[in-house]
N, C-alpha and C. Protein backbone atom coordinates (compact mmCIF):
# COMPACT_ATOMS: atom_id res chain seq x y z
N UNK A 1 84.42 173.36 54.93
CA UNK A 1 85.51 173.93 54.16
C UNK A 1 86.81 173.83 54.97
N UNK A 2 87.86 173.38 54.33
CA UNK A 2 89.15 173.29 55.01
C UNK A 2 90.11 174.32 54.42
N UNK A 3 91.02 174.75 55.25
CA UNK A 3 92.04 175.68 54.77
C UNK A 3 93.37 174.95 54.72
N UNK A 4 94.20 175.35 53.79
CA UNK A 4 95.51 174.72 53.63
C UNK A 4 96.55 175.49 54.42
N UNK A 5 97.41 174.77 55.10
CA UNK A 5 98.53 175.37 55.81
C UNK A 5 99.83 175.12 55.06
N UNK A 6 99.75 175.05 53.75
CA UNK A 6 100.92 174.76 52.93
C UNK A 6 101.78 176.00 52.75
N UNK A 7 103.07 175.76 52.59
CA UNK A 7 104.03 176.82 52.33
C UNK A 7 104.90 176.38 51.17
N UNK A 8 105.15 177.29 50.24
CA UNK A 8 106.03 176.99 49.11
C UNK A 8 107.41 177.59 49.38
N UNK A 9 108.44 176.79 49.17
CA UNK A 9 109.81 177.22 49.39
C UNK A 9 110.59 176.97 48.11
N UNK A 10 111.17 178.02 47.53
CA UNK A 10 111.97 177.88 46.32
C UNK A 10 113.45 177.83 46.64
N UNK A 11 114.10 176.73 46.26
CA UNK A 11 115.52 176.56 46.52
C UNK A 11 116.30 176.45 45.22
N UNK A 12 117.53 176.92 45.24
CA UNK A 12 118.46 176.74 44.13
C UNK A 12 119.66 176.01 44.70
N UNK A 13 120.00 174.86 44.13
CA UNK A 13 121.07 174.02 44.66
C UNK A 13 122.18 173.89 43.63
N UNK A 14 123.40 174.23 44.04
CA UNK A 14 124.58 174.10 43.21
C UNK A 14 125.45 173.01 43.81
N UNK A 15 125.76 171.98 43.02
CA UNK A 15 126.58 170.87 43.48
C UNK A 15 127.94 170.95 42.79
N UNK A 16 128.99 170.90 43.59
CA UNK A 16 130.36 170.98 43.06
C UNK A 16 131.10 169.70 43.44
N UNK A 17 131.75 169.11 42.46
CA UNK A 17 132.56 167.91 42.71
C UNK A 17 133.89 168.37 43.29
N UNK A 18 134.16 168.00 44.53
CA UNK A 18 135.41 168.38 45.19
C UNK A 18 136.41 167.24 45.05
N UNK A 19 137.66 167.58 44.98
CA UNK A 19 138.70 166.57 44.85
C UNK A 19 139.05 165.91 46.17
N UNK A 20 139.72 164.81 46.09
CA UNK A 20 140.22 164.13 47.29
C UNK A 20 139.11 163.55 48.15
N UNK A 21 139.31 163.64 49.44
CA UNK A 21 138.40 163.05 50.41
C UNK A 21 137.21 163.94 50.75
N UNK A 22 137.13 165.16 50.22
CA UNK A 22 136.07 166.09 50.60
C UNK A 22 134.69 165.65 50.13
N UNK A 23 134.59 164.92 49.04
CA UNK A 23 133.29 164.56 48.50
C UNK A 23 132.63 165.75 47.84
N UNK A 24 131.38 165.58 47.42
CA UNK A 24 130.66 166.68 46.77
C UNK A 24 130.37 167.80 47.78
N UNK A 25 130.30 169.02 47.26
CA UNK A 25 130.04 170.20 48.09
C UNK A 25 128.81 170.90 47.53
N UNK A 26 128.03 171.54 48.39
CA UNK A 26 126.76 172.13 48.01
C UNK A 26 126.66 173.57 48.48
N UNK A 27 126.14 174.42 47.59
CA UNK A 27 125.76 175.78 47.94
C UNK A 27 124.27 175.89 47.64
N UNK A 28 123.51 176.37 48.61
CA UNK A 28 122.06 176.42 48.46
C UNK A 28 121.56 177.82 48.76
N UNK A 29 120.69 178.29 47.90
CA UNK A 29 120.04 179.58 48.10
C UNK A 29 118.54 179.41 48.15
N UNK A 30 117.88 180.27 48.91
CA UNK A 30 116.43 180.26 49.00
C UNK A 30 115.90 181.55 48.37
N UNK A 31 114.90 181.40 47.51
CA UNK A 31 114.28 182.57 46.89
C UNK A 31 113.33 183.23 47.88
N UNK A 32 113.50 184.53 48.09
CA UNK A 32 112.63 185.32 48.95
C UNK A 32 112.39 186.67 48.28
N UNK A 33 111.15 186.98 47.98
CA UNK A 33 110.79 188.26 47.38
C UNK A 33 111.63 188.59 46.15
N UNK A 34 111.83 187.59 45.29
CA UNK A 34 112.55 187.80 44.04
C UNK A 34 114.06 187.84 44.16
N UNK A 35 114.60 187.59 45.35
CA UNK A 35 116.04 187.57 45.55
C UNK A 35 116.44 186.26 46.22
N UNK A 36 117.69 185.86 46.01
CA UNK A 36 118.18 184.65 46.64
C UNK A 36 118.98 184.99 47.89
N UNK A 37 118.75 184.19 48.94
CA UNK A 37 119.50 184.31 50.18
C UNK A 37 120.21 182.98 50.40
N UNK A 38 121.52 183.01 50.63
CA UNK A 38 122.28 181.77 50.84
C UNK A 38 121.91 181.16 52.18
N UNK A 39 121.66 179.84 52.17
CA UNK A 39 121.42 179.14 53.44
C UNK A 39 122.60 178.23 53.78
N UNK A 40 123.44 177.90 52.80
CA UNK A 40 124.71 177.23 53.07
C UNK A 40 125.63 177.47 51.88
N UNK A 41 126.92 177.43 52.14
CA UNK A 41 127.90 177.70 51.10
C UNK A 41 129.03 176.67 51.18
N UNK A 42 129.24 175.94 50.08
CA UNK A 42 130.32 174.96 49.97
C UNK A 42 130.30 173.97 51.14
N UNK A 43 129.13 173.42 51.41
CA UNK A 43 128.94 172.52 52.55
C UNK A 43 128.88 171.06 52.10
N UNK A 44 129.18 170.16 53.04
CA UNK A 44 129.03 168.72 52.78
C UNK A 44 127.52 168.41 52.69
N UNK A 45 127.18 167.22 52.22
CA UNK A 45 125.78 166.86 52.04
C UNK A 45 125.01 166.90 53.36
N UNK A 46 125.61 166.43 54.45
CA UNK A 46 124.92 166.45 55.74
C UNK A 46 124.57 167.86 56.18
N UNK A 47 125.52 168.77 56.01
CA UNK A 47 125.28 170.16 56.40
C UNK A 47 124.28 170.84 55.48
N UNK A 48 124.34 170.51 54.19
CA UNK A 48 123.39 171.08 53.24
C UNK A 48 121.97 170.64 53.57
N UNK A 49 121.79 169.37 53.89
CA UNK A 49 120.47 168.87 54.26
C UNK A 49 119.99 169.48 55.57
N UNK A 50 120.89 169.71 56.50
CA UNK A 50 120.53 170.37 57.76
C UNK A 50 120.06 171.79 57.50
N UNK A 51 120.73 172.49 56.58
CA UNK A 51 120.32 173.85 56.24
C UNK A 51 118.93 173.86 55.60
N UNK A 52 118.67 172.90 54.72
CA UNK A 52 117.34 172.80 54.10
C UNK A 52 116.29 172.51 55.17
N UNK A 53 116.59 171.59 56.06
CA UNK A 53 115.66 171.24 57.13
C UNK A 53 115.32 172.48 57.97
N UNK A 54 116.33 173.28 58.31
CA UNK A 54 116.10 174.48 59.11
C UNK A 54 115.19 175.46 58.37
N UNK A 55 115.39 175.62 57.05
CA UNK A 55 114.55 176.52 56.27
C UNK A 55 113.10 176.03 56.24
N UNK A 56 112.91 174.74 56.09
CA UNK A 56 111.56 174.19 56.06
C UNK A 56 110.87 174.36 57.40
N UNK A 57 111.61 174.20 58.48
CA UNK A 57 111.03 174.40 59.80
C UNK A 57 110.61 175.85 59.99
N UNK A 58 111.44 176.78 59.53
CA UNK A 58 111.09 178.21 59.62
C UNK A 58 109.86 178.52 58.79
N UNK A 59 109.67 177.79 57.70
CA UNK A 59 108.56 178.04 56.79
C UNK A 59 107.26 177.42 57.29
N UNK A 60 107.26 176.88 58.50
CA UNK A 60 106.04 176.35 59.07
C UNK A 60 105.84 174.87 58.91
N UNK A 61 106.85 174.17 58.43
CA UNK A 61 106.74 172.73 58.30
C UNK A 61 106.86 172.09 59.69
N UNK A 62 106.29 170.90 59.87
CA UNK A 62 106.44 170.25 61.17
C UNK A 62 107.91 169.95 61.46
N UNK A 63 108.35 170.12 62.70
CA UNK A 63 109.75 169.87 63.02
C UNK A 63 110.13 168.41 62.86
N UNK A 64 111.38 168.17 62.48
CA UNK A 64 111.91 166.81 62.37
C UNK A 64 113.15 166.72 63.24
N UNK A 65 113.63 165.52 63.45
CA UNK A 65 114.81 165.33 64.29
C UNK A 65 115.99 166.13 63.75
N UNK A 66 116.66 166.82 64.62
CA UNK A 66 117.81 167.64 64.23
C UNK A 66 119.03 166.77 63.97
N UNK A 67 119.87 167.23 63.07
CA UNK A 67 121.13 166.55 62.76
C UNK A 67 122.26 167.51 63.13
N UNK A 68 123.17 167.07 63.97
CA UNK A 68 124.26 167.93 64.42
C UNK A 68 125.24 168.18 63.28
N UNK A 69 125.52 169.47 63.02
CA UNK A 69 126.48 169.82 61.98
C UNK A 69 126.99 171.23 62.26
N UNK A 70 128.20 171.36 62.66
CA UNK A 70 128.76 172.66 63.02
C UNK A 70 128.87 173.57 61.82
N UNK A 71 129.03 173.04 60.60
CA UNK A 71 129.25 173.88 59.42
C UNK A 71 128.02 174.67 59.02
N UNK A 72 126.85 174.35 59.51
CA UNK A 72 125.64 175.10 59.15
C UNK A 72 125.77 176.54 59.61
N UNK A 73 126.48 176.78 60.70
CA UNK A 73 126.68 178.15 61.17
C UNK A 73 127.41 178.97 60.13
N UNK A 74 128.26 178.35 59.31
CA UNK A 74 128.97 179.05 58.25
C UNK A 74 128.02 179.61 57.21
N UNK A 75 126.82 179.04 57.07
CA UNK A 75 125.87 179.51 56.07
C UNK A 75 125.33 180.88 56.40
N UNK A 76 125.44 181.29 57.64
CA UNK A 76 124.90 182.58 58.05
C UNK A 76 125.85 183.72 57.75
N UNK A 77 127.01 183.41 57.22
CA UNK A 77 127.99 184.45 56.89
C UNK A 77 127.97 184.77 55.44
């Protein structure tokens, strides 16, 4: 008999089209105990993906190569 080490992570992703050179912006929330917690707010795609990667690592997923992005710190506010 094998046991599963799977973890389910519920995300809500809001994509906003930004004008000019900013490109698309993303706000991402993670569902926890029936409530959403923001993991990034109005971030570029690289920072949004970094925030998702960090959440998956916390959830017990195998670690992957980190991507440098200073704006991820903004998600904690």
